[in-house]
Amino acid sequence: MINKKGVALVIANSAYITQPKLKSCKKDGEDMRGALERLNFDVFFAENQNRAELFNIISEFLKNADLYSTVLLYYTGHGVQIDGENYFVPIDCTYNPIKAIFVATQLVGMRVVQDYMDAHPEKNNIMILDACRSEPGFARDIVGTGLAEMKAGSGTFVAFATAPNKTAGCAADENGNGFYTECLLRHIEQPNIKIKDVIALTKGAQIPWENTSLKNDFYFNIMTRDQIDDWIYKTVRNAYSAETLIDLSIKINCSISDVMRIYNRQKSEKPGGIYFNSDDEFEKFILRQVLNLGFTFDDYRWKYKGNPVVMGEFYHTSSFASKS
C-alpha cells in the first residue's frame, strides 16, 4: 500500500541550445522538487530534457501514475501555443518554417499528460505550468503569445503562471525564482490551505490563471493543531533564527510573537524546560528573545534588518509595562 500524498513529475528546462536560456528555471525546478518531497510526494525529477528525454520521462511518470490518487505535473521552461494547442519546448528545439514538421519533430504536446488526466477523473489531477516565459526566439509567424487556455477535465486542476496569451516574468539569473514559482513556494507548504487559495496568493505583477473541475477540495498539507505546534517547535529548535521565525509566520499565517509563544510553550513541556510563574513573565521572556534575535521596533513598526515584519502583540498587565 502506498502512503504517499501522490506522485509528481517536475521538469525544469533552462539550458536551451538555440533558444533563449532561462536561468531561473533550474532553481524553480529544484525548489519545487524539495517542497513536494517535504509534502510526501514521490517525485520524478528531470532537468534540461531534449525531445526524446521528455517523452521518456513523461511515459515513465504516467506508467506509475495509476498507483496514486493524486497526480501532479509541474513544468518550468519555454512553452508555446500553436493553433490553440500547448507544447513543452525541449532544450534541443530547432525552428522549422514548415509548421507541421516543426510540431511533429521539435515539440512535445502537453496534451500527452492532459489526456491521461481526462481519462482518470477519479484522481486529483494537477497541472502547474510556469511555462509562458519571454517568448522563444523562433517561429513568430506560427507561435502565439503565451499559452492557450486549457479546459480542465473532471477531477483536474490546471494552473498557469499568468493569464492565457500572456507571458510571465522570471529572475535574471540562476539565484532567483520565476515570479510565479517564488510566490507558490511561499505558500504551498502552508497547513490546511486549499490549492485554489495557494494559487490565488501568488497574485502580483502578473495575474495567475486557473481552471478547475476537482471534485473535492485539495490540500497540499493537512495538519492538526498539535501537529502544527510540534512542527513549529522542531523547526525553530533546529534552526533558531529570525529568518526561521519570519518564514514560519508566513507559512502558518500568524504573527511572529505567536510562533514564539507556541515554540516556548512546547519547549516548556519538554524535560528541562523553563517554568514560568505568570503570563507576564512568559511575555517578557519571548519579548527579550525577539529583541536578541535582531528584531527592532522603529517608527511604531516592528522590523528586521530594516524590513517590516508581522510581529503581533505582546500581552501584558500594567505591571509588565512598568518593569520591562
Protein backbone atom coordinates (compact mmCIF):
# COMPACT_ATOMS: atom_id res chain seq x y z
CA MET A 1 0.00 0.00 0.00
CA ILE A 2 1.35 3.43 -0.94
CA ASN A 3 1.19 6.00 1.87
CA LYS A 4 2.42 8.92 -0.19
CA LYS A 5 0.45 12.11 -0.79
CA GLY A 6 0.77 11.49 -4.51
CA VAL A 7 3.17 11.31 -7.41
CA ALA A 8 4.68 14.36 -9.12
CA LEU A 9 6.67 14.98 -12.27
CA VAL A 10 8.86 18.09 -12.02
CA ILE A 11 10.50 19.21 -15.28
CA ALA A 12 12.88 22.18 -15.39
CA ASN A 13 14.25 23.25 -18.77
CA SER A 14 16.73 26.11 -18.61
CA ALA A 15 19.84 25.37 -20.71
CA TYR A 16 18.35 25.80 -24.18
CA ILE A 17 20.78 25.22 -27.04
CA THR A 18 19.43 27.50 -29.77
CA GLN A 19 16.69 29.37 -27.85
CA PRO A 20 16.99 31.97 -25.06
CA LYS A 21 18.22 30.38 -21.84
CA LEU A 22 16.00 30.59 -18.74
CA LYS A 23 18.47 30.67 -15.86
CA SER A 24 15.93 30.79 -13.04
CA CYS A 25 14.17 27.61 -14.20
CA LYS A 26 16.90 25.40 -12.71
CA LYS A 27 16.25 26.81 -9.24
CA ASP A 28 12.47 26.72 -9.81
CA GLY A 29 12.58 23.00 -10.51
CA GLU A 30 14.94 22.12 -7.68
CA ASP A 31 12.96 24.15 -5.15
CA MET A 32 9.63 22.65 -6.25
CA ARG A 33 11.09 19.16 -6.04
CA GLY A 34 12.20 19.88 -2.46
CA ALA A 35 8.82 21.29 -1.46
CA LEU A 36 6.89 18.37 -2.93
CA GLU A 37 9.19 15.81 -1.33
CA ARG A 38 8.66 17.50 2.05
CA LEU A 39 4.92 17.26 1.37
CA ASN A 40 5.35 13.48 0.98
CA PHE A 41 5.08 13.19 -2.81
CA ASP A 42 7.06 10.65 -4.78
CA VAL A 43 8.84 12.91 -7.29
CA PHE A 44 10.11 12.19 -10.78
CA PHE A 45 12.60 14.98 -11.48
CA ALA A 46 14.11 15.92 -14.83
CA GLU A 47 16.32 18.85 -15.87
CA ASN A 48 17.22 20.10 -19.34
CA GLN A 49 15.37 17.47 -21.33
CA ASN A 50 15.72 17.06 -25.07
CA ARG A 51 12.68 15.89 -27.02
CA ALA A 52 13.37 12.16 -26.71
CA GLU A 53 14.12 12.50 -22.99
CA LEU A 54 10.91 14.46 -22.42
CA PHE A 55 8.83 11.70 -23.98
CA ASN A 56 10.69 9.08 -21.91
CA ILE A 57 10.24 10.79 -18.54
CA ILE A 58 6.58 11.59 -19.21
CA SER A 59 5.97 7.98 -20.24
CA GLU A 60 7.65 6.67 -17.08
CA PHE A 61 5.66 9.10 -14.94
CA LEU A 62 2.32 8.12 -16.48
CA LYS A 63 3.05 4.40 -16.18
CA ASN A 64 3.45 4.90 -12.41
CA ALA A 65 0.56 7.33 -12.04
CA ASP A 66 -2.02 4.55 -11.88
CA LEU A 67 -0.73 3.67 -8.40
CA TYR A 68 -1.59 7.05 -6.86
CA SER A 69 -4.74 9.01 -6.08
CA THR A 70 -3.06 12.39 -6.72
CA VAL A 71 -1.08 13.05 -9.91
CA LEU A 72 0.80 16.33 -10.33
CA LEU A 73 2.82 17.84 -13.17
CA TYR A 74 4.97 20.93 -12.63
CA TYR A 75 6.80 22.37 -15.63
CA THR A 76 9.13 25.36 -15.79
CA GLY A 77 10.72 26.37 -19.07
CA HIS A 78 9.69 27.57 -22.50
CA GLY A 79 6.16 26.70 -23.54
CA VAL A 80 4.34 27.69 -26.71
CA GLN A 81 0.91 27.51 -28.27
CA ILE A 82 0.24 26.69 -31.91
CA ASP A 83 -3.30 26.70 -33.27
CA GLY A 84 -4.73 26.57 -29.76
CA GLU A 85 -2.61 23.61 -28.60
CA ASN A 86 0.11 23.96 -25.94
CA TYR A 87 3.58 22.44 -26.17
CA PHE A 88 6.61 21.89 -23.97
CA VAL A 89 9.77 23.19 -25.66
CA PRO A 90 12.69 20.73 -25.34
CA ILE A 91 16.18 22.21 -24.94
CA ASP A 92 17.22 20.90 -28.37
CA CYS A 93 14.28 22.52 -30.20
CA THR A 94 15.26 23.93 -33.61
CA TYR A 95 12.90 26.02 -35.69
CA ASN A 96 11.49 24.66 -38.94
CA PRO A 97 9.36 27.07 -41.00
CA ILE A 98 7.03 24.24 -42.08
CA LYS A 99 4.57 24.19 -39.20
CA ALA A 100 3.51 20.55 -39.46
CA ILE A 101 7.13 19.36 -39.47
CA PHE A 102 8.08 21.74 -36.66
CA VAL A 103 5.30 20.45 -34.42
CA ALA A 104 5.91 16.80 -35.32
CA THR A 105 9.69 16.83 -34.83
CA GLN A 106 10.62 19.57 -32.35
CA LEU A 107 7.93 19.94 -29.67
CA VAL A 108 6.15 17.79 -27.07
CA GLY A 109 2.42 18.30 -26.68
CA MET A 110 1.06 18.99 -23.21
CA ARG A 111 -1.98 17.02 -24.29
CA VAL A 112 0.01 13.84 -23.64
CA VAL A 113 -0.44 14.49 -19.91
CA GLN A 114 -3.82 16.20 -20.22
CA ASP A 115 -5.34 13.18 -21.98
CA TYR A 116 -4.22 10.87 -19.16
CA MET A 117 -5.76 13.17 -16.57
CA ASP A 118 -9.01 13.48 -18.54
CA ALA A 119 -9.20 9.68 -18.64
CA HIS A 120 -8.86 9.42 -14.82
CA PRO A 121 -11.48 11.71 -13.26
CA GLU A 122 -11.40 9.63 -10.07
CA LYS A 123 -7.97 11.09 -9.22
CA ASN A 124 -6.84 14.54 -8.07
CA ASN A 125 -5.07 15.65 -11.25
CA ILE A 126 -2.97 18.83 -11.04
CA MET A 127 -1.03 20.67 -13.75
CA ILE A 128 1.08 23.69 -12.74
CA LEU A 129 2.70 25.41 -15.72
CA ASP A 130 5.27 28.16 -15.26
CA ALA A 131 5.88 27.83 -18.96
CA CYS A 132 4.94 31.04 -20.71
CA ARG A 133 8.17 32.95 -20.18
CA SER A 134 9.53 35.60 -22.53
CA GLU A 135 8.82 34.28 -25.99
CA PRO A 136 11.31 31.92 -27.65
CA GLY A 137 13.29 33.49 -30.46
CA PHE A 138 11.72 31.37 -33.17
CA ALA A 139 8.59 30.80 -35.19
CA ARG A 140 6.93 34.16 -34.55
CA ASP A 141 4.84 33.55 -37.63
CA ILE A 142 3.30 30.32 -36.24
CA VAL A 143 3.64 30.56 -32.44
CA GLY A 144 1.08 32.51 -30.42
CA THR A 145 1.86 34.61 -27.35
CA GLY A 146 2.00 32.71 -24.06
CA LEU A 147 -0.08 29.56 -23.69
CA ALA A 148 -3.62 28.82 -24.85
CA GLU A 149 -6.45 28.30 -22.39
CA MET A 150 -6.81 24.70 -21.26
CA LYS A 151 -10.13 23.28 -20.13
CA ALA A 152 -9.81 21.16 -17.02
CA GLY A 153 -11.44 17.77 -17.35
CA SER A 154 -13.37 16.23 -14.47
CA GLY A 155 -11.05 15.75 -11.49
CA THR A 156 -8.38 18.09 -12.89
CA PHE A 157 -6.89 21.40 -11.77
CA VAL A 158 -4.85 23.44 -14.27
CA ALA A 159 -2.82 26.46 -13.15
CA PHE A 160 -0.84 28.84 -15.36
CA ALA A 161 1.78 31.35 -14.19
CA THR A 162 -0.18 34.04 -16.00
CA ALA A 163 -3.36 34.51 -17.98
CA PRO A 164 -3.83 32.82 -21.37
CA ASN A 165 -1.99 34.57 -24.21
CA LYS A 166 0.29 36.44 -21.79
CA THR A 167 3.95 35.96 -20.88
CA ALA A 168 5.32 35.51 -17.36
CA GLY A 169 8.37 37.05 -15.69
CA CYS A 170 11.38 35.40 -14.10
CA ALA A 171 14.61 36.27 -12.33
CA ALA A 172 17.56 37.37 -14.44
CA ASP A 173 19.99 34.79 -13.03
CA GLU A 174 20.15 31.32 -11.52
CA ASN A 175 19.96 32.62 -7.94
CA GLY A 176 16.28 33.64 -8.13
CA ASN A 177 12.95 32.02 -8.93
CA GLY A 178 10.39 32.89 -11.53
CA PHE A 179 7.89 35.37 -10.09
CA TYR A 180 5.06 32.83 -10.03
CA THR A 181 7.06 29.93 -8.61
CA GLU A 182 8.61 32.17 -5.96
CA CYS A 183 5.13 33.07 -4.69
CA LEU A 184 3.90 29.50 -4.99
CA LEU A 185 6.79 28.23 -2.88
CA ARG A 186 5.92 30.68 -0.10
CA HIS A 187 2.50 29.12 0.36
CA ILE A 188 2.49 25.53 -0.90
CA GLU A 189 3.59 24.08 2.45
CA GLN A 190 1.21 26.24 4.49
CA PRO A 191 -1.02 23.92 6.55
CA ASN A 192 -4.70 23.49 5.74
CA ILE A 193 -4.92 25.81 2.74
CA LYS A 194 -6.86 24.81 -0.37
CA ILE A 195 -4.99 24.57 -3.67
CA LYS A 196 -7.19 27.31 -5.14
CA ASP A 197 -6.14 29.63 -2.34
CA VAL A 198 -2.46 28.75 -2.86
CA ILE A 199 -2.76 29.84 -6.48
CA ALA A 200 -4.70 32.99 -5.56
CA LEU A 201 -1.98 34.07 -3.13
CA THR A 202 0.55 34.26 -5.99
CA LYS A 203 -1.05 37.38 -7.46
CA GLY A 204 1.44 40.15 -8.13
CA ALA A 205 2.71 41.95 -11.18
CA GLN A 206 1.21 39.17 -13.31
CA ILE A 207 -2.17 37.54 -12.75
CA PRO A 208 -2.11 33.74 -12.49
CA TRP A 209 -4.91 31.79 -14.11
CA GLU A 210 -6.56 28.54 -13.12
CA ASN A 211 -9.30 26.25 -14.35
CA THR A 212 -10.61 23.53 -12.10
CA SER A 213 -13.02 20.63 -12.13
CA LEU A 214 -11.72 18.99 -8.96
CA LYS A 215 -14.49 17.03 -7.27
CA ASN A 216 -13.22 17.72 -3.74
CA ASP A 217 -11.16 20.38 -2.00
CA PHE A 218 -7.46 19.50 -2.26
CA TYR A 219 -4.89 20.49 0.37
CA PHE A 220 -1.16 20.04 -0.12
CA ASN A 221 -0.61 19.95 3.64
CA ILE A 222 -3.29 18.86 6.14
CA MET A 223 -2.19 19.17 9.78
CA THR A 224 -3.95 19.12 13.15
CA ARG A 225 -3.29 21.87 15.69
CA ASP A 226 -1.00 19.54 17.68
CA GLN A 227 0.94 18.64 14.52
CA ILE A 228 1.38 22.31 13.62
CA ASP A 229 2.63 23.13 17.11
CA ASP A 230 5.08 20.21 17.05
CA TRP A 231 6.27 21.24 13.56
CA ILE A 232 6.89 24.80 14.81
CA TYR A 233 8.83 23.53 17.82
CA LYS A 234 11.07 21.22 15.79
CA THR A 235 11.66 23.80 13.05
CA VAL A 236 12.70 26.56 15.47
CA ARG A 237 14.75 24.15 17.60
CA ASN A 238 16.72 23.00 14.55
CA ALA A 239 17.24 26.48 13.09
CA TYR A 240 16.82 29.12 15.77
CA SER A 241 16.97 32.40 13.87
CA ALA A 242 14.94 35.46 12.93
CA GLU A 243 14.69 34.13 9.37
CA THR A 244 13.12 30.88 10.60
CA LEU A 245 10.50 32.78 12.61
CA ILE A 246 9.64 35.02 9.66
CA ASP A 247 9.34 32.03 7.32
CA LEU A 248 7.10 30.12 9.74
CA SER A 249 4.86 33.14 10.36
CA ILE A 250 4.24 33.34 6.61
CA LYS A 251 3.65 29.61 6.19
CA ILE A 252 1.12 29.33 9.01
CA ASN A 253 -0.30 32.82 8.55
CA CYS A 254 0.24 34.04 12.09
CA SER A 255 2.36 36.62 13.89
CA ILE A 256 5.98 36.08 14.87
CA SER A 257 5.09 36.58 18.54
CA ASP A 258 2.57 33.73 18.25
CA VAL A 259 5.23 31.50 16.70
CA MET A 260 7.45 32.26 19.68
CA ARG A 261 4.62 31.50 22.11
CA ILE A 262 3.97 28.13 20.52
CA TYR A 263 7.69 27.27 20.43
CA ASN A 264 8.32 28.22 24.05
CA ARG A 265 5.19 26.54 25.37
CA GLN A 266 6.18 23.35 23.56
CA LYS A 267 9.72 23.71 24.92
CA SER A 268 8.49 24.25 28.48
CA GLU A 269 6.71 20.89 28.37
CA LYS A 270 9.90 19.02 27.46
CA PRO A 271 12.36 17.66 30.08
CA GLY A 272 14.46 20.54 31.39
CA GLY A 273 12.02 23.13 30.06
CA ILE A 274 11.67 26.56 31.67
CA TYR A 275 8.77 27.06 34.06
CA PHE A 276 7.07 30.47 34.11
CA ASN A 277 5.34 31.79 37.24
CA SER A 278 2.98 34.08 35.34
CA ASP A 279 1.82 35.14 31.89
CA ASP A 280 3.66 38.44 32.38
CA GLU A 281 6.92 36.59 32.98
CA PHE A 282 6.32 34.47 29.88
CA GLU A 283 5.57 37.51 27.69
CA LYS A 284 8.67 39.37 28.93
CA PHE A 285 10.75 36.29 28.12
CA ILE A 286 9.60 36.00 24.49
CA LEU A 287 9.96 39.77 24.02
CA ARG A 288 13.61 39.53 25.10
CA GLN A 289 14.07 36.62 22.71
CA VAL A 290 12.84 38.51 19.64
CA LEU A 291 14.96 41.54 20.57
CA ASN A 292 18.05 39.35 21.00
CA LEU A 293 17.42 37.87 17.53
CA GLY A 294 17.72 41.32 15.96
CA PHE A 295 14.11 42.45 15.63
CA THR A 296 13.65 46.18 16.29
CA PHE A 297 10.72 48.48 16.97
CA ASP A 298 11.24 51.62 14.90
CA ASP A 299 8.76 54.34 13.96
CA TYR A 300 5.90 52.37 15.51
CA ARG A 301 6.68 49.31 13.36
CA TRP A 302 8.41 46.03 14.08
CA LYS A 303 11.24 45.41 11.62
CA TYR A 304 14.06 43.03 10.84
CA LYS A 305 17.09 44.42 9.04
CA GLY A 306 15.00 47.44 8.12
CA ASN A 307 12.13 45.45 6.62
CA PRO A 308 8.65 45.44 8.23
CA VAL A 309 7.51 42.15 9.78
CA VAL A 310 4.24 40.92 11.30
CA MET A 311 5.24 40.74 14.94
CA GLY A 312 1.82 40.90 16.59
CA GLU A 313 1.20 41.95 20.18
CA PHE A 314 2.91 41.15 23.47
CA TYR A 315 0.19 40.73 26.07
CA HIS A 316 0.77 42.23 29.49
CA THR A 317 -0.64 43.95 32.53
CA SER A 318 0.31 47.43 33.66
CA SER A 319 2.97 45.92 35.95
CA PHE A 320 4.58 44.24 32.92
CA ALA A 321 4.92 47.62 31.19
CA SER A 322 6.43 49.30 34.23
CA LYS A 323 9.01 46.54 34.86
CA SER A 324 10.08 45.83 31.28
